[in-house]
C-alpha cells in the first residue's frame, strides 16, 4: 500500500441506493435542461440575426409615400 491506513481511507462510504438514483436523476435532468437552454439560446441568436438583417434591408429600401385614406363625407339628405 502506498499510504497509511486511517479511519477515513479504510472504508470508502458508498451512497445509499436512493442517493444513487437521486444523483442519476439529478444529472439526467440537468443534462436535459442544459440541452434545452442551448437550443433556446441558439434559436434566439438565429432569430435575432434574421431580424437585424431584415431591419437593415428595410432601412436601405426607400420608403414609399404613404397614401392618405379618403374620408367619407356626409351627403346632405332629404330635408324633412
Protein backbone atom coordinates (compact mmCIF):
# COMPACT_ATOMS: atom_id res chain seq x y z
CA UNK A 1 0.00 0.00 0.00
CA UNK A 2 1.19 3.44 -0.77
CA UNK A 3 -0.31 5.28 2.20
CA UNK A 4 -1.06 4.68 5.80
CA UNK A 5 -4.42 3.30 6.75
CA UNK A 6 -6.64 5.65 8.67
CA UNK A 7 -10.30 5.60 9.58
CA UNK A 8 -11.00 7.95 6.65
CA UNK A 9 -9.46 5.87 3.87
CA UNK A 10 -10.04 2.32 5.09
CA UNK A 11 -13.71 2.13 4.19
CA UNK A 12 -14.99 4.35 1.44
CA UNK A 13 -18.53 5.45 2.12
CA UNK A 14 -20.93 4.40 -0.59
CA UNK A 15 -24.05 6.39 -1.27
CA UNK A 16 -27.29 4.65 -0.49
CA UNK A 17 -29.37 3.26 -3.33
CA UNK A 18 -31.82 6.15 -3.04
CA UNK A 19 -28.99 8.69 -3.15
CA UNK A 20 -27.52 6.98 -6.20
CA UNK A 21 -30.85 7.07 -8.03
CA UNK A 22 -31.36 10.67 -6.98
CA UNK A 23 -27.91 11.57 -8.31
CA UNK A 24 -28.63 9.83 -11.62
CA UNK A 25 -32.00 11.59 -11.92
CA UNK A 26 -30.44 14.92 -10.99
CA UNK A 27 -27.65 14.51 -13.54
CA UNK A 28 -30.07 13.46 -16.28
CA UNK A 29 -32.49 16.29 -15.55
CA UNK A 30 -29.72 18.87 -15.54
CA UNK A 31 -28.40 17.50 -18.85
CA UNK A 32 -31.86 17.77 -20.43
CA UNK A 33 -32.39 21.28 -19.09
CA UNK A 34 -28.94 22.32 -20.28
CA UNK A 35 -29.59 20.95 -23.76
CA UNK A 36 -32.93 22.78 -23.93
CA UNK A 37 -31.26 26.01 -22.84
CA UNK A 38 -28.57 25.63 -25.52
CA UNK A 39 -31.20 25.03 -28.22
CA UNK A 40 -33.24 28.01 -26.99
CA UNK A 41 -30.19 30.31 -27.00
CA UNK A 42 -29.20 29.13 -30.49
CA UNK A 43 -32.71 29.77 -31.78
CA UNK A 44 -32.79 33.20 -30.14
CA UNK A 45 -29.46 34.12 -31.72
CA UNK A 46 -30.61 32.86 -35.12
CA UNK A 47 -33.87 34.82 -34.94
CA UNK A 48 -32.06 37.94 -33.71
CA UNK A 49 -29.68 37.78 -36.69
CA UNK A 50 -32.60 37.34 -39.08
CA UNK A 51 -34.44 40.29 -37.51
CA UNK A 52 -31.39 42.55 -37.70
CA UNK A 53 -30.79 41.56 -41.31
CA UNK A 54 -34.42 42.26 -42.18
CA UNK A 55 -34.29 45.63 -40.41
CA UNK A 56 -31.10 46.52 -42.30
CA UNK A 57 -32.63 45.70 -45.68
CA UNK A 58 -35.83 47.53 -44.75
CA UNK A 59 -33.82 50.62 -43.75
CA UNK A 60 -31.86 50.51 -47.03
CA UNK A 61 -35.01 50.49 -49.16
CA UNK A 62 -36.52 53.86 -49.97
CA UNK A 63 -39.85 54.16 -48.26
CA UNK A 64 -42.82 54.73 -50.49
CA UNK A 65 -45.04 57.70 -49.71
CA UNK A 66 -47.97 56.69 -47.61
CA UNK A 67 -51.38 57.17 -49.05
CA UNK A 68 -53.91 59.13 -47.18
CA UNK A 69 -57.21 57.46 -46.75
CA UNK A 70 -60.19 59.23 -48.19
CA UNK A 71 -62.53 60.48 -45.53
CA UNK A 72 -66.16 59.67 -46.14
CA UNK A 73 -68.20 62.84 -46.18
CA UNK A 74 -71.78 63.13 -45.22
CA UNK A 75 -74.13 63.68 -48.04
CA UNK A 76 -76.88 66.07 -47.41
CA UNK A 77 -80.00 64.03 -47.02
CA UNK A 78 -83.56 64.98 -47.85
CA UNK A 79 -84.94 67.67 -45.61
CA UNK A 80 -87.93 66.84 -43.54
